Every structure is written in structure tokens, then in C-alpha cells.
C-alpha atoms as a PDB file:
ATOM      1  CA  MET A   1      57.672 129.044 111.445  1.00  0.00           C
ATOM      2  CA  GLU A   2      61.410 128.799 110.950  1.00  0.00           C
ATOM      3  CA  ILE A   3      63.444 131.604 109.453  1.00  0.00           C
ATOM      4  CA  PRO A   4      64.954 129.919 106.370  1.00  0.00           C
ATOM      5  CA  TYR A   5      68.157 131.904 105.864  1.00  0.00           C
ATOM      6  CA  TRP A   6      70.669 134.074 107.687  1.00  0.00           C
ATOM      7  CA  TYR A   7      69.529 137.251 109.420  1.00  0.00           C
ATOM      8  CA  PRO A   8      71.418 139.558 111.814  1.00  0.00           C
ATOM      9  CA  LYS A   9      71.184 138.803 115.512  1.00  0.00           C
ATOM     10  CA  ASP A  10      73.240 141.754 116.757  1.00  0.00           C
ATOM     11  CA  ALA A  11      72.487 143.217 120.157  1.00  0.00           C
ATOM     12  CA  LEU A  12      71.846 146.966 120.258  1.00  0.00           C
ATOM     13  CA  LYS A  13      75.043 147.610 122.188  1.00  0.00           C
ATOM     14  CA  TYR A  14      78.552 148.954 121.668  1.00  0.00           C
ATOM     15  CA  PRO A  15      81.384 146.461 121.013  1.00  0.00           C
ATOM     16  CA  ASN A  16      82.287 146.639 124.728  1.00  0.00           C
ATOM     17  CA  SER A  17      78.723 145.454 125.561  1.00  0.00           C
ATOM     18  CA  GLN A  18      77.723 148.878 126.876  1.00  0.00           C
ATOM     19  CA  GLU A  19      74.120 149.811 126.066  1.00  0.00           C
ATOM     20  CA  PHE A  20      73.532 152.395 123.351  1.00  0.00           C
ATOM     21  CA  MET A  21      73.262 155.975 124.545  1.00  0.00           C
ATOM     22  CA  LYS A  22      69.508 156.067 123.987  1.00  0.00           C
ATOM     23  CA  LYS A  23      67.463 152.938 123.434  1.00  0.00           C
ATOM     24  CA  GLU A  24      64.029 151.682 124.366  1.00  0.00           C
ATOM     25  CA  ALA A  25      63.537 148.146 125.674  1.00  0.00           C
ATOM     26  CA  VAL A  26      64.050 146.343 122.333  1.00  0.00           C
ATOM     27  CA  GLY A  27      67.274 144.460 122.932  1.00  0.00           C
ATOM     28  CA  ASP A  28      68.491 143.299 119.521  1.00  0.00           C
ATOM     29  CA  ILE A  29      67.941 143.533 115.768  1.00  0.00           C
ATOM     30  CA  PRO A  30      65.501 140.572 115.460  1.00  0.00           C
ATOM     31  CA  ASN A  31      63.130 142.181 117.962  1.00  0.00           C
ATOM     32  CA  LEU A  32      62.743 145.137 115.600  1.00  0.00           C
ATOM     33  CA  PHE A  33      60.809 142.904 113.172  1.00  0.00           C
ATOM     34  CA  THR A  34      57.845 140.579 113.237  1.00  0.00           C
ATOM     35  CA  LYS A  35      58.806 136.970 112.648  1.00  0.00           C
ATOM     36  CA  ARG A  36      56.876 136.970 109.377  1.00  0.00           C
ATOM     37  CA  ASN A  37      58.931 139.872 108.048  1.00  0.00           C
ATOM     38  CA  LEU A  38      62.148 138.318 109.296  1.00  0.00           C
ATOM     39  CA  VAL A  39      61.311 135.265 107.183  1.00  0.00           C
ATOM     40  CA  ALA A  40      60.649 137.456 104.134  1.00  0.00           C
ATOM     41  CA  LEU A  41      63.730 139.618 104.657  1.00  0.00           C
ATOM     42  CA  SER A  42      65.985 136.601 105.145  1.00  0.00           C
ATOM     43  CA  ILE A  43      64.815 135.252 101.770  1.00  0.00           C
ATOM     44  CA  LEU A  44      65.306 138.614 100.045  1.00  0.00           C
ATOM     45  CA  TRP A  45      68.775 139.072 101.517  1.00  0.00           C
ATOM     46  CA  HIS A  46      69.778 135.495 100.662  1.00  0.00           C
ATOM     47  CA  MET A  47      68.777 136.072  97.040  1.00  0.00           C
ATOM     48  CA  THR A  48      70.622 139.411  97.006  1.00  0.00           C
ATOM     49  CA  GLU A  49      73.851 137.846  98.251  1.00  0.00           C
ATOM     50  CA  SER A  50      73.461 135.053  95.671  1.00  0.00           C
ATOM     51  CA  ILE A  51      73.561 137.429  92.677  1.00  0.00           C
ATOM     52  CA  LYS A  52      76.783 136.734  90.774  1.00  0.00           C
ATOM     53  CA  ASP A  53      77.040 140.051  88.912  1.00  0.00           C
ATOM     54  CA  ALA A  54      78.749 142.390  91.418  1.00  0.00           C
ATOM     55  CA  LYS A  55      77.174 145.583  90.047  1.00  0.00           C
ATOM     56  CA  ILE A  56      73.648 144.196  90.135  1.00  0.00           C
ATOM     57  CA  ARG A  57      74.309 142.709  93.572  1.00  0.00           C
ATOM     58  CA  ASP A  58      75.394 146.119  94.855  1.00  0.00           C
ATOM     59  CA  LEU A  59      72.289 147.786  93.416  1.00  0.00           C
ATOM     60  CA  MET A  60      69.990 145.217  95.002  1.00  0.00           C
ATOM     61  CA  GLY A  61      71.864 145.513  98.310  1.00  0.00           C
ATOM     62  CA  PHE A  62      71.428 149.285  98.151  1.00  0.00           C
ATOM     63  CA  THR A  63      67.715 148.817  97.452  1.00  0.00           C
ATOM     64  CA  PHE A  64      67.333 146.358 100.328  1.00  0.00           C
ATOM     65  CA  ALA A  65      69.026 148.734 102.767  1.00  0.00           C
ATOM     66  CA  SER A  66      66.848 151.629 101.598  1.00  0.00           C
ATOM     67  CA  ARG A  67      63.652 149.733 102.519  1.00  0.00           C
ATOM     68  CA  VAL A  68      64.505 147.380 105.376  1.00  0.00           C
ATOM     69  CA  HIS A  69      63.740 149.928 108.116  1.00  0.00           C
ATOM     70  CA  LEU A  70      60.219 150.354 106.696  1.00  0.00           C
ATOM     71  CA  ALA A  71      59.674 146.619 107.201  1.00  0.00           C
ATOM     72  CA  SER A  72      60.405 146.968 110.919  1.00  0.00           C
ATOM     73  CA  LYS A  73      58.001 147.417 113.826  1.00  0.00           C
ATOM     74  CA  MET A  74      59.267 150.963 114.365  1.00  0.00           C
ATOM     75  CA  CYS A  75      56.766 152.468 111.911  1.00  0.00           C
ATOM     76  CA  PRO A  76      53.805 153.979 113.764  1.00  0.00           C
ATOM     77  CA  VAL A  77      50.390 153.612 112.175  1.00  0.00           C
ATOM     78  CA  ALA A  78      49.970 156.641 109.940  1.00  0.00           C
ATOM     79  CA  LYS A  79      47.482 157.655 107.307  1.00  0.00           C
ATOM     80  CA  PRO A  80      49.296 158.362 104.030  1.00  0.00           C
ATOM     81  CA  SER A  81      48.399 161.537 102.185  1.00  0.00           C
ATOM     82  CA  LYS A  82      46.354 161.284  98.998  1.00  0.00           C
ATOM     83  CA  ARG A  83      49.489 161.890  96.963  1.00  0.00           C
ATOM     84  CA  SER A  84      51.652 159.265  98.628  1.00  0.00           C
ATOM     85  CA  HIS A  85      51.752 155.488  98.346  1.00  0.00           C
ATOM     86  CA  TRP A  86      52.069 153.317 101.441  1.00  0.00           C
ATOM     87  CA  SER A  87      55.431 152.025 100.220  1.00  0.00           C
ATOM     88  CA  GLU A  88      56.814 155.566  99.985  1.00  0.00           C
ATOM     89  CA  LEU A  89      56.083 156.637 103.560  1.00  0.00           C
ATOM     90  CA  SER A  90      58.314 159.355 104.879  1.00  0.00           C
ATOM     91  CA  THR A  91      60.892 158.372 107.485  1.00  0.00           C
ATOM     92  CA  THR A  92      60.055 161.535 109.430  1.00  0.00           C
ATOM     93  CA  SER A  93      57.871 159.617 111.879  1.00  0.00           C
ATOM     94  CA  PHE A  94      60.064 156.528 111.696  1.00  0.00           C
ATOM     95  CA  TRP A  95      62.698 157.797 114.111  1.00  0.00           C
ATOM     96  CA  ALA A  96      60.956 160.742 115.710  1.00  0.00           C
ATOM     97  CA  LEU A  97      62.517 159.760 119.038  1.00  0.00           C
ATOM     98  CA  GLN A  98      65.953 159.122 117.472  1.00  0.00           C
ATOM     99  CA  SER A  99      66.009 155.798 119.242  1.00  0.00           C
ATOM    100  CA  TYR A 100      65.155 152.136 118.714  1.00  0.00           C
ATOM    101  CA  TRP A 101      61.524 152.412 119.739  1.00  0.00           C
ATOM    102  CA  VAL A 102      58.585 150.156 118.880  1.00  0.00           C
ATOM    103  CA  PRO A 103      55.285 152.072 119.201  1.00  0.00           C
ATOM    104  CA  PRO A 104      52.303 150.426 120.921  1.00  0.00           C
ATOM    105  CA  LEU A 105      50.505 150.363 117.575  1.00  0.00           C
ATOM    106  CA  TYR A 106      52.730 149.791 114.562  1.00  0.00           C
ATOM    107  CA  MET A 107      52.427 148.854 110.891  1.00  0.00           C
ATOM    108  CA  GLU A 108      53.633 145.556 109.483  1.00  0.00           C
ATOM    109  CA  SER A 109      54.387 146.374 105.859  1.00  0.00           C
ATOM    110  CA  ASN A 110      54.761 143.714 103.190  1.00  0.00           C
ATOM    111  CA  ALA A 111      58.529 143.248 102.837  1.00  0.00           C
ATOM    112  CA  TRP A 112      58.396 142.071  99.218  1.00  0.00           C
ATOM    113  CA  MET A 113      56.193 144.989  98.116  1.00  0.00           C
ATOM    114  CA  LEU A 114      58.585 147.377  99.850  1.00  0.00           C
ATOM    115  CA  PHE A 115      61.516 145.861  97.977  1.00  0.00           C
ATOM    116  CA  GLU A 116      59.617 145.840  94.689  1.00  0.00           C
ATOM    117  CA  SER A 117      58.757 149.537  95.056  1.00  0.00           C
ATOM    118  CA  GLY A 118      62.415 150.222  95.843  1.00  0.00           C
ATOM    119  CA  VAL A 119      63.307 148.766  92.448  1.00  0.00           C
ATOM    120  CA  LEU A 120      60.366 149.721  90.227  1.00  0.00           C
ATOM    121  CA  GLY A 121      58.654 152.564  92.104  1.00  0.00           C
ATOM    122  CA  LYS A 122      58.561 156.294  91.305  1.00  0.00           C
ATOM    123  CA  GLN A 123      61.594 156.758  93.536  1.00  0.00           C
ATOM    124  CA  GLY A 124      63.027 153.319  92.760  1.00  0.00           C
ATOM    125  CA  ILE A 125      66.568 152.355  91.844  1.00  0.00           C
ATOM    126  CA  LEU A 126      65.759 151.791  88.141  1.00  0.00           C
ATOM    127  CA  LYS A 127      64.441 155.322  87.675  1.00  0.00           C
ATOM    128  CA  GLY A 128      67.303 156.803  89.690  1.00  0.00           C
ATOM    129  CA  LYS A 129      69.877 154.805  87.738  1.00  0.00           C
ATOM    130  CA  GLY A 130      68.346 155.935  84.454  1.00  0.00           C
ATOM    131  CA  GLU A 131      68.495 159.584  85.487  1.00  0.00           C
ATOM    132  CA  SER A 132      72.058 159.324  86.771  1.00  0.00           C
ATOM    133  CA  ASN A 133      73.177 157.660  83.542  1.00  0.00           C
ATOM    134  CA  LYS A 134      71.829 160.641  81.600  1.00  0.00           C
ATOM    135  CA  GLU A 135      73.566 163.163  83.852  1.00  0.00           C
ATOM    136  CA  ILE A 136      76.831 161.261  84.336  1.00  0.00           C
ATOM    137  CA  ARG A 137      77.888 160.059  80.924  1.00  0.00           C
ATOM    138  CA  HIS A 138      81.559 159.878  81.792  1.00  0.00           C
ATOM    139  CA  PHE A 139      82.847 158.250  84.977  1.00  0.00           C
ATOM    140  CA  ASN A 140      86.537 157.945  85.724  1.00  0.00           C
ATOM    141  CA  GLU A 141      87.486 157.617  89.381  1.00  0.00           C
ATOM    142  CA  ALA A 142      90.573 159.466  90.612  1.00  0.00           C
ATOM    143  CA  LYS A 143      93.072 157.847  92.937  1.00  0.00           C
ATOM    144  CA  SER A 144      94.301 161.222  94.200  1.00  0.00           C
ATOM    145  CA  PHE A 145      93.386 164.893  93.860  1.00  0.00           C
ATOM    146  CA  GLU A 146      96.020 165.361  91.158  1.00  0.00           C
ATOM    147  CA  ASP A 147      94.210 162.881  88.914  1.00  0.00           C
ATOM    148  CA  LEU A 148      91.324 165.362  88.632  1.00  0.00           C
ATOM    149  CA  ASP A 149      93.570 167.564  86.483  1.00  0.00           C
ATOM    150  CA  ASN A 150      93.671 164.769  83.908  1.00  0.00           C
ATOM    151  CA  GLU A 151      90.737 162.635  82.749  1.00  0.00           C
ATOM    152  CA  ALA A 152      89.351 161.669  86.170  1.00  0.00           C
ATOM    153  CA  ASN A 153      86.161 163.410  87.267  1.00  0.00           C
ATOM    154  CA  ILE A 154      85.370 161.981  90.691  1.00  0.00           C
ATOM    155  CA  LEU A 155      87.358 161.339  93.862  1.00  0.00           C
ATOM    156  CA  ILE A 156      85.894 159.132  96.597  1.00  0.00           C
ATOM    157  CA  SER A 157      87.453 158.909 100.031  1.00  0.00           C
ATOM    158  CA  THR A 158      86.238 157.677 103.403  1.00  0.00           C
ATOM    159  CA  GLN A 159      89.090 159.187 105.385  1.00  0.00           C
ATOM    160  CA  SER A 160      88.644 161.646 108.233  1.00  0.00           C
ATOM    161  CA  ALA A 161      87.482 165.109 107.163  1.00  0.00           C
ATOM    162  CA  LEU A 162      89.964 166.480 109.699  1.00  0.00           C
ATOM    163  CA  ASN A 163      92.906 165.271 107.654  1.00  0.00           C
ATOM    164  CA  LEU A 164      91.977 165.556 103.973  1.00  0.00           C
ATOM    165  CA  GLY A 165      95.436 166.821 103.080  1.00  0.00           C
ATOM    166  CA  SER A 166      96.925 163.359 103.552  1.00  0.00           C
ATOM    167  CA  ASN A 167      96.546 160.169 101.511  1.00  0.00           C
ATOM    168  CA  PRO A 168      94.514 159.077  99.720  1.00  0.00           C
ATOM    169  CA  ALA A 169      92.692 162.352  98.942  1.00  0.00           C
ATOM    170  CA  ARG A 170      95.641 164.745  99.365  1.00  0.00           C
ATOM    171  CA  ILE A 171      93.454 167.808  98.790  1.00  0.00           C
ATOM    172  CA  PRO A 172      95.669 170.930  98.577  1.00  0.00           C
ATOM    173  CA  LYS A 173      94.881 174.010 100.642  1.00  0.00           C
ATOM    174  CA  GLU A 174      92.680 176.682  99.039  1.00  0.00           C
ATOM    175  CA  SER A 175      91.551 174.326  96.281  1.00  0.00           C
ATOM    176  CA  VAL A 176      87.920 173.759  97.354  1.00  0.00           C
ATOM    177  CA  ASP A 177      85.173 176.197  96.362  1.00  0.00           C
ATOM    178  CA  TYR A 178      82.158 174.583  98.017  1.00  0.00           C
ATOM    179  CA  VAL A 179      81.582 172.177 100.912  1.00  0.00           C
ATOM    180  CA  PHE A 180      78.262 170.422 101.575  1.00  0.00           C
ATOM    181  CA  THR A 181      78.114 168.526 104.864  1.00  0.00           C
ATOM    182  CA  ASP A 182      75.603 166.003 106.107  1.00  0.00           C
ATOM    183  CA  PRO A 183      74.406 164.924 108.620  1.00  0.00           C
ATOM    184  CA  PRO A 184      73.999 167.818 111.055  1.00  0.00           C
ATOM    185  CA  TYR A 185      73.280 167.634 114.807  1.00  0.00           C
ATOM    186  CA  GLY A 186      76.242 165.354 115.464  1.00  0.00           C
ATOM    187  CA  GLY A 187      76.164 166.130 119.164  1.00  0.00           C
ATOM    188  CA  SER A 188      72.491 165.314 119.713  1.00  0.00           C
ATOM    189  CA  VAL A 189      71.641 162.478 117.292  1.00  0.00           C
ATOM    190  CA  GLN A 190      73.273 159.062 117.728  1.00  0.00           C
ATOM    191  CA  TYR A 191      73.961 158.451 114.036  1.00  0.00           C
ATOM    192  CA  MET A 192      76.392 155.575 114.526  1.00  0.00           C
ATOM    193  CA  GLU A 193      74.025 153.727 116.861  1.00  0.00           C
ATOM    194  CA  LEU A 194      71.023 154.164 114.564  1.00  0.00           C
ATOM    195  CA  SER A 195      73.031 152.967 111.551  1.00  0.00           C
ATOM    196  CA  ALA A 196      73.454 149.582 113.254  1.00  0.00           C
ATOM    197  CA  LEU A 197      70.141 148.454 111.745  1.00  0.00           C
ATOM    198  CA  TRP A 198      71.438 148.788 108.174  1.00  0.00           C
ATOM    199  CA  ALA A 199      75.016 147.794 108.967  1.00  0.00           C
ATOM    200  CA  SER A 200      73.900 144.530 110.574  1.00  0.00           C
ATOM    201  CA  TRP A 201      72.182 143.417 107.367  1.00  0.00           C
ATOM    202  CA  LEU A 202      74.811 144.778 104.977  1.00  0.00           C
ATOM    203  CA  ARG A 203      77.544 142.849 106.773  1.00  0.00           C
ATOM    204  CA  GLY A 204      75.739 139.731 105.613  1.00  0.00           C
ATOM    205  CA  GLU A 205      76.342 136.067 106.253  1.00  0.00           C
ATOM    206  CA  LYS A 206      79.053 135.906 103.591  1.00  0.00           C
ATOM    207  CA  LYS A 207      80.421 139.413 104.253  1.00  0.00           C
ATOM    208  CA  THR A 208      80.109 139.894 100.497  1.00  0.00           C
ATOM    209  CA  PRO A 209      82.520 142.497  99.047  1.00  0.00           C
ATOM    210  CA  GLY A 210      80.662 145.640  98.057  1.00  0.00           C
ATOM    211  CA  LEU A 211      77.778 144.960 100.442  1.00  0.00           C
ATOM    212  CA  ASN A 212      79.497 145.837 103.710  1.00  0.00           C
END
């Protein structure tokens, strides 16, 4: 069974080829999935990258990334509660070891059903988008902090939190009332390493703008 379209083949290593800080004997991204699910995921990702409308493509890419880990072999067999659906399993047990670990007995979830639930499910993107549209009726992105004094109502920046006073945010001193930070445990959880699973897919074959 050949895998019909592109899929990530990244090794679970740093750019200098050094092994991740904590990793079980998995090796690379493909070994985190059964071949059957790699086939399904490659088709889903190919169709996502082929969407011409950039906004819809971004939404579908977001949905894909929110479910792809549940299609991996890293999900231990677990009995869902009566209130939960199999496609809405908590990620609590998914990375209990905070490492790339495949349990001796794992679940192989249906990749398409996972994706479908990510779009149409109770916690799916359509419901979330509908709720956000009701709450956020006006969206005008600021280019700098000063723009927030005019008609802009949101400022997005990926710069270092240690230097928010510089461009592009240029946040003045004593101008922030509340700070919410996430994630915690930066010294004990290898967040960058664990994000490689999503980043490898989001980079994509075409490195599509908005999806990486």
C-alpha cells in the first residue's frame, strides 16, 4: 500500500542532529502512525493544501492540526466515559510521559472521522467559529500599540516577551492591566520538541502561506 501524497518524514532530532531531550525509541514522524493512517492523513492534508480560498484553507489546516495527534499510535487504549465520544478523547493520557512514546497497546482511530468531528463535532471548528463571530463582531488588527487608541481592537505579535517595548508591539510601560501566560512548566516539559509533530505537517509540501 503506497502513501499517495506528501507526508512529513522528519526525524525526531534537533537541527544539529542531536536527539531530543526525552524520546522513546520511535525515530521519526512516520513511525508515530500506522501506514493506513498515514495514507488517510496524506490524502486529507493534500486536499487541505489544495483549497484555493485562503481563509477556508487556514481553518481546515487548523482543524487538521487539532486532530492529527489523535490519529497517531501514541494514544493508549482507554475506555471513554459515558458522556464522551471516542473522537473527543482527552489528550491527558496522550502525552502522560511528555515524550514521543508508543504504548504496547494503542488505538488506531479513523483519521477521517477524527477530521470530520473536528469540523462538525460539538467542539468542532464550525461551532467555535459561529460562537466567535457572535462575540467578535468587529475585528481590526493593529500594527502597533498606538493603533489601539483608534479603531483597532487587537494586536498580534510573535516577538519575544522579554522585549515587548520594541517593534512591532511597542507596548509602553505601565499600560498592561492583566497578563495571562501559557504554557507553564517551561523548565520540565519539552514544548518545542513535542510541537514537532504538528509543525512537521503544517510546514507542508508546498509550504503554503498561512499553514506554517
